[in-house]
Amino acid sequence: MKNSVQEVLEYFPLQIKSEIDRCCNVYEKLEEIRLRTNRNIILKIGQEEIVLNYIISTNEVLEILQRICDNSIYTYQNQICNGFITIKGRS
């Protein structure tokens, strides 16, 4: 059975999933994945931040956003305006 972080990573392109897998082997402690166009991906684990050696492109961010929003970005407009999208893991 997949944990909630693995389910969230299903929204990500394979190359990014692989990079997160390589750097983060403690999924149950991962709290946040920060994506900013043309910047390094940042993983927040407790009080620690891990900066990945991967710069995410605008197209990759848009691809992830469209997948998360199921191509209905309007539905998530308020969260996006606040700078984040909360995704609940399925059980």
N, C-alpha and C. Protein backbone atom coordinates (compact mmCIF):
# COMPACT_ATOMS: atom_id res chain seq x y z
N MET A 1 0.84 -1.19 0.00
CA MET A 1 0.00 0.00 0.00
C MET A 1 0.88 1.25 0.00
N LYS A 2 0.52 2.24 -0.78
CA LYS A 2 1.30 3.47 -0.88
C LYS A 2 1.00 4.38 0.30
N ASN A 3 2.04 5.12 0.73
CA ASN A 3 1.77 6.13 1.73
C ASN A 3 1.39 7.42 1.03
N SER A 4 0.96 8.43 1.79
CA SER A 4 0.43 9.65 1.20
C SER A 4 1.47 10.41 0.38
N VAL A 5 2.74 10.39 0.78
CA VAL A 5 3.77 11.10 0.01
C VAL A 5 3.95 10.43 -1.35
N GLN A 6 3.97 9.12 -1.39
CA GLN A 6 4.09 8.42 -2.67
C GLN A 6 2.90 8.75 -3.57
N GLU A 7 1.73 8.89 -3.00
CA GLU A 7 0.55 9.26 -3.78
C GLU A 7 0.68 10.67 -4.33
N VAL A 8 1.21 11.58 -3.54
CA VAL A 8 1.41 12.95 -3.99
C VAL A 8 2.43 12.97 -5.13
N LEU A 9 3.47 12.18 -5.01
CA LEU A 9 4.52 12.16 -6.04
C LEU A 9 4.01 11.64 -7.38
N GLU A 10 2.86 11.00 -7.39
CA GLU A 10 2.27 10.53 -8.65
C GLU A 10 1.94 11.71 -9.58
N TYR A 11 1.79 12.90 -9.02
CA TYR A 11 1.52 14.10 -9.81
C TYR A 11 2.77 14.64 -10.50
N PHE A 12 3.94 14.19 -10.08
CA PHE A 12 5.20 14.74 -10.54
C PHE A 12 5.76 13.97 -11.73
N PRO A 13 6.48 14.67 -12.63
CA PRO A 13 7.17 13.97 -13.71
C PRO A 13 8.20 12.99 -13.14
N LEU A 14 8.50 11.96 -13.89
CA LEU A 14 9.37 10.89 -13.44
C LEU A 14 10.73 11.39 -12.97
N GLN A 15 11.32 12.31 -13.69
CA GLN A 15 12.65 12.80 -13.32
C GLN A 15 12.65 13.48 -11.94
N ILE A 16 11.61 14.21 -11.65
CA ILE A 16 11.52 14.88 -10.35
C ILE A 16 11.23 13.87 -9.25
N LYS A 17 10.34 12.91 -9.51
CA LYS A 17 10.08 11.85 -8.54
C LYS A 17 11.36 11.12 -8.18
N SER A 18 12.15 10.81 -9.18
CA SER A 18 13.41 10.10 -8.95
C SER A 18 14.35 10.93 -8.09
N GLU A 19 14.42 12.21 -8.34
CA GLU A 19 15.30 13.09 -7.55
C GLU A 19 14.84 13.16 -6.10
N ILE A 20 13.55 13.25 -5.87
CA ILE A 20 13.02 13.29 -4.50
C ILE A 20 13.25 11.95 -3.83
N ASP A 21 13.02 10.85 -4.53
CA ASP A 21 13.27 9.51 -3.99
C ASP A 21 14.72 9.36 -3.55
N ARG A 22 15.63 9.85 -4.38
CA ARG A 22 17.06 9.72 -4.11
C ARG A 22 17.47 10.48 -2.86
N CYS A 23 16.82 11.59 -2.59
CA CYS A 23 17.22 12.46 -1.48
C CYS A 23 16.39 12.27 -0.22
N CYS A 24 15.26 11.65 -0.35
CA CYS A 24 14.33 11.59 0.79
C CYS A 24 13.87 10.17 1.02
N ASN A 25 14.49 9.49 1.98
CA ASN A 25 14.10 8.11 2.26
C ASN A 25 13.21 8.00 3.50
N VAL A 26 12.79 9.14 4.03
CA VAL A 26 11.94 9.14 5.23
C VAL A 26 10.63 9.86 4.90
N TYR A 27 9.80 9.19 4.07
CA TYR A 27 8.58 9.80 3.59
C TYR A 27 7.63 10.25 4.70
N GLU A 28 7.53 9.47 5.74
CA GLU A 28 6.54 9.81 6.77
C GLU A 28 6.85 11.13 7.46
N LYS A 29 8.07 11.64 7.33
CA LYS A 29 8.43 12.91 7.96
C LYS A 29 8.40 14.09 6.99
N LEU A 30 8.22 13.83 5.69
CA LEU A 30 8.19 14.89 4.70
C LEU A 30 6.90 15.69 4.85
N GLU A 31 7.04 16.98 5.07
CA GLU A 31 5.87 17.83 5.32
C GLU A 31 5.50 18.71 4.13
N GLU A 32 6.49 19.08 3.34
CA GLU A 32 6.24 20.08 2.32
C GLU A 32 7.23 19.92 1.17
N ILE A 33 6.74 20.13 -0.04
CA ILE A 33 7.60 20.18 -1.22
C ILE A 33 7.40 21.56 -1.83
N ARG A 34 8.46 22.35 -1.86
CA ARG A 34 8.38 23.71 -2.38
C ARG A 34 8.89 23.75 -3.81
N LEU A 35 8.03 24.25 -4.70
CA LEU A 35 8.37 24.35 -6.11
C LEU A 35 8.28 25.82 -6.51
N ARG A 36 9.38 26.33 -7.03
CA ARG A 36 9.41 27.69 -7.55
C ARG A 36 10.10 27.64 -8.90
N THR A 37 9.48 28.23 -9.89
CA THR A 37 10.01 28.20 -11.24
C THR A 37 11.45 28.70 -11.29
N ASN A 38 12.28 27.94 -12.00
CA ASN A 38 13.70 28.27 -12.21
C ASN A 38 14.49 28.35 -10.91
N ARG A 39 14.06 27.60 -9.91
CA ARG A 39 14.79 27.50 -8.64
C ARG A 39 14.87 26.04 -8.22
N ASN A 40 15.72 25.78 -7.25
CA ASN A 40 15.87 24.43 -6.73
C ASN A 40 14.60 24.01 -5.98
N ILE A 41 14.27 22.73 -6.06
CA ILE A 41 13.16 22.17 -5.28
C ILE A 41 13.64 22.07 -3.84
N ILE A 42 12.76 22.40 -2.89
CA ILE A 42 13.10 22.34 -1.47
C ILE A 42 12.13 21.38 -0.79
N LEU A 43 12.68 20.46 0.00
CA LEU A 43 11.88 19.53 0.80
C LEU A 43 11.96 19.98 2.25
N LYS A 44 10.81 20.06 2.92
CA LYS A 44 10.78 20.43 4.33
C LYS A 44 10.47 19.18 5.14
N ILE A 45 11.42 18.82 6.00
CA ILE A 45 11.28 17.65 6.85
C ILE A 45 11.50 18.13 8.28
N GLY A 46 10.41 18.25 9.04
CA GLY A 46 10.51 18.83 10.38
C GLY A 46 11.02 20.25 10.27
N GLN A 47 12.06 20.58 11.03
CA GLN A 47 12.65 21.91 10.99
C GLN A 47 13.73 22.03 9.91
N GLU A 48 14.07 20.92 9.26
CA GLU A 48 15.14 20.89 8.28
C GLU A 48 14.59 21.13 6.87
N GLU A 49 15.37 21.85 6.07
CA GLU A 49 15.05 22.03 4.67
C GLU A 49 16.18 21.43 3.84
N ILE A 50 15.80 20.59 2.89
CA ILE A 50 16.77 19.97 2.00
C ILE A 50 16.59 20.59 0.61
N VAL A 51 17.65 21.20 0.12
CA VAL A 51 17.61 21.82 -1.21
C VAL A 51 18.14 20.80 -2.21
N LEU A 52 17.28 20.41 -3.13
CA LEU A 52 17.67 19.43 -4.14
C LEU A 52 18.49 20.09 -5.23
N ASN A 53 19.37 19.33 -5.81
CA ASN A 53 20.18 19.83 -6.92
C ASN A 53 19.39 19.64 -8.22
N TYR A 54 18.20 20.23 -8.25
CA TYR A 54 17.32 20.12 -9.41
C TYR A 54 16.58 21.45 -9.54
N ILE A 55 16.75 22.11 -10.64
CA ILE A 55 16.05 23.37 -10.90
C ILE A 55 14.84 23.05 -11.76
N ILE A 56 13.67 23.40 -11.26
CA ILE A 56 12.42 23.05 -11.92
C ILE A 56 12.03 24.14 -12.92
N SER A 57 11.61 23.71 -14.09
CA SER A 57 11.24 24.65 -15.15
C SER A 57 9.79 25.10 -15.01
N THR A 58 9.47 26.16 -15.72
CA THR A 58 8.09 26.66 -15.75
C THR A 58 7.15 25.59 -16.28
N ASN A 59 7.55 24.91 -17.33
CA ASN A 59 6.69 23.86 -17.92
C ASN A 59 6.44 22.73 -16.93
N GLU A 60 7.45 22.35 -16.15
CA GLU A 60 7.27 21.28 -15.16
C GLU A 60 6.31 21.72 -14.06
N VAL A 61 6.45 22.96 -13.61
CA VAL A 61 5.53 23.47 -12.58
C VAL A 61 4.10 23.48 -13.11
N LEU A 62 3.91 23.94 -14.33
CA LEU A 62 2.56 23.96 -14.92
C LEU A 62 1.99 22.55 -15.09
N GLU A 63 2.84 21.61 -15.50
CA GLU A 63 2.40 20.23 -15.64
C GLU A 63 1.92 19.66 -14.30
N ILE A 64 2.70 19.89 -13.26
CA ILE A 64 2.32 19.41 -11.93
C ILE A 64 1.03 20.08 -11.46
N LEU A 65 0.94 21.39 -11.66
CA LEU A 65 -0.25 22.14 -11.25
C LEU A 65 -1.50 21.62 -11.96
N GLN A 66 -1.39 21.38 -13.25
CA GLN A 66 -2.54 20.86 -14.00
C GLN A 66 -2.94 19.47 -13.52
N ARG A 67 -1.98 18.63 -13.20
CA ARG A 67 -2.29 17.29 -12.70
C ARG A 67 -2.98 17.37 -11.33
N ILE A 68 -2.43 18.19 -10.45
CA ILE A 68 -3.01 18.32 -9.11
C ILE A 68 -4.43 18.85 -9.19
N CYS A 69 -4.64 19.84 -10.05
CA CYS A 69 -5.96 20.48 -10.16
C CYS A 69 -6.89 19.74 -11.12
N ASP A 70 -6.44 18.61 -11.63
CA ASP A 70 -7.24 17.83 -12.58
C ASP A 70 -7.72 18.73 -13.72
N ASN A 71 -6.79 19.57 -14.21
CA ASN A 71 -7.04 20.51 -15.30
C ASN A 71 -8.16 21.51 -14.99
N SER A 72 -8.43 21.74 -13.72
CA SER A 72 -9.43 22.74 -13.30
C SER A 72 -8.78 23.67 -12.28
N ILE A 73 -7.85 24.46 -12.76
CA ILE A 73 -7.08 25.35 -11.88
C ILE A 73 -8.00 26.31 -11.14
N TYR A 74 -9.10 26.72 -11.76
CA TYR A 74 -10.05 27.65 -11.13
C TYR A 74 -10.52 27.13 -9.77
N THR A 75 -10.71 25.83 -9.65
CA THR A 75 -11.17 25.22 -8.40
C THR A 75 -10.20 25.49 -7.25
N TYR A 76 -8.93 25.60 -7.56
CA TYR A 76 -7.88 25.78 -6.55
C TYR A 76 -7.39 27.23 -6.48
N GLN A 77 -8.11 28.14 -7.09
CA GLN A 77 -7.67 29.52 -7.22
C GLN A 77 -7.31 30.17 -5.88
N ASN A 78 -8.13 29.98 -4.86
CA ASN A 78 -7.85 30.61 -3.56
C ASN A 78 -6.56 30.10 -2.95
N GLN A 79 -6.34 28.79 -3.00
CA GLN A 79 -5.09 28.24 -2.46
C GLN A 79 -3.89 28.73 -3.26
N ILE A 80 -4.02 28.75 -4.58
CA ILE A 80 -2.92 29.21 -5.42
C ILE A 80 -2.57 30.66 -5.10
N CYS A 81 -3.59 31.50 -4.91
CA CYS A 81 -3.34 32.90 -4.55
C CYS A 81 -2.61 33.02 -3.22
N ASN A 82 -2.80 32.06 -2.34
CA ASN A 82 -2.10 32.05 -1.06
C ASN A 82 -0.72 31.41 -1.14
N GLY A 83 -0.37 30.91 -2.32
CA GLY A 83 0.98 30.42 -2.55
C GLY A 83 1.20 28.94 -2.31
N PHE A 84 0.14 28.17 -2.15
CA PHE A 84 0.30 26.74 -1.91
C PHE A 84 -0.96 26.00 -2.32
N ILE A 85 -0.81 24.69 -2.46
CA ILE A 85 -1.96 23.80 -2.66
C ILE A 85 -1.79 22.66 -1.67
N THR A 86 -2.81 22.42 -0.89
CA THR A 86 -2.77 21.31 0.06
C THR A 86 -3.39 20.09 -0.60
N ILE A 87 -2.68 18.99 -0.55
CA ILE A 87 -3.16 17.74 -1.13
C ILE A 87 -3.28 16.72 -0.01
N LYS A 88 -4.46 16.17 0.13
CA LYS A 88 -4.67 15.14 1.14
C LYS A 88 -4.34 13.80 0.54
N GLY A 89 -3.61 13.00 1.32
CA GLY A 89 -3.31 11.64 0.88
C GLY A 89 -4.55 10.77 0.99
N ARG A 90 -4.65 9.82 0.07
CA ARG A 90 -5.78 8.89 0.12
C ARG A 90 -5.36 7.67 0.93
N SER A 91 -6.32 7.05 1.57
CA SER A 91 -5.99 5.83 2.31
C SER A 91 -6.70 4.64 1.75
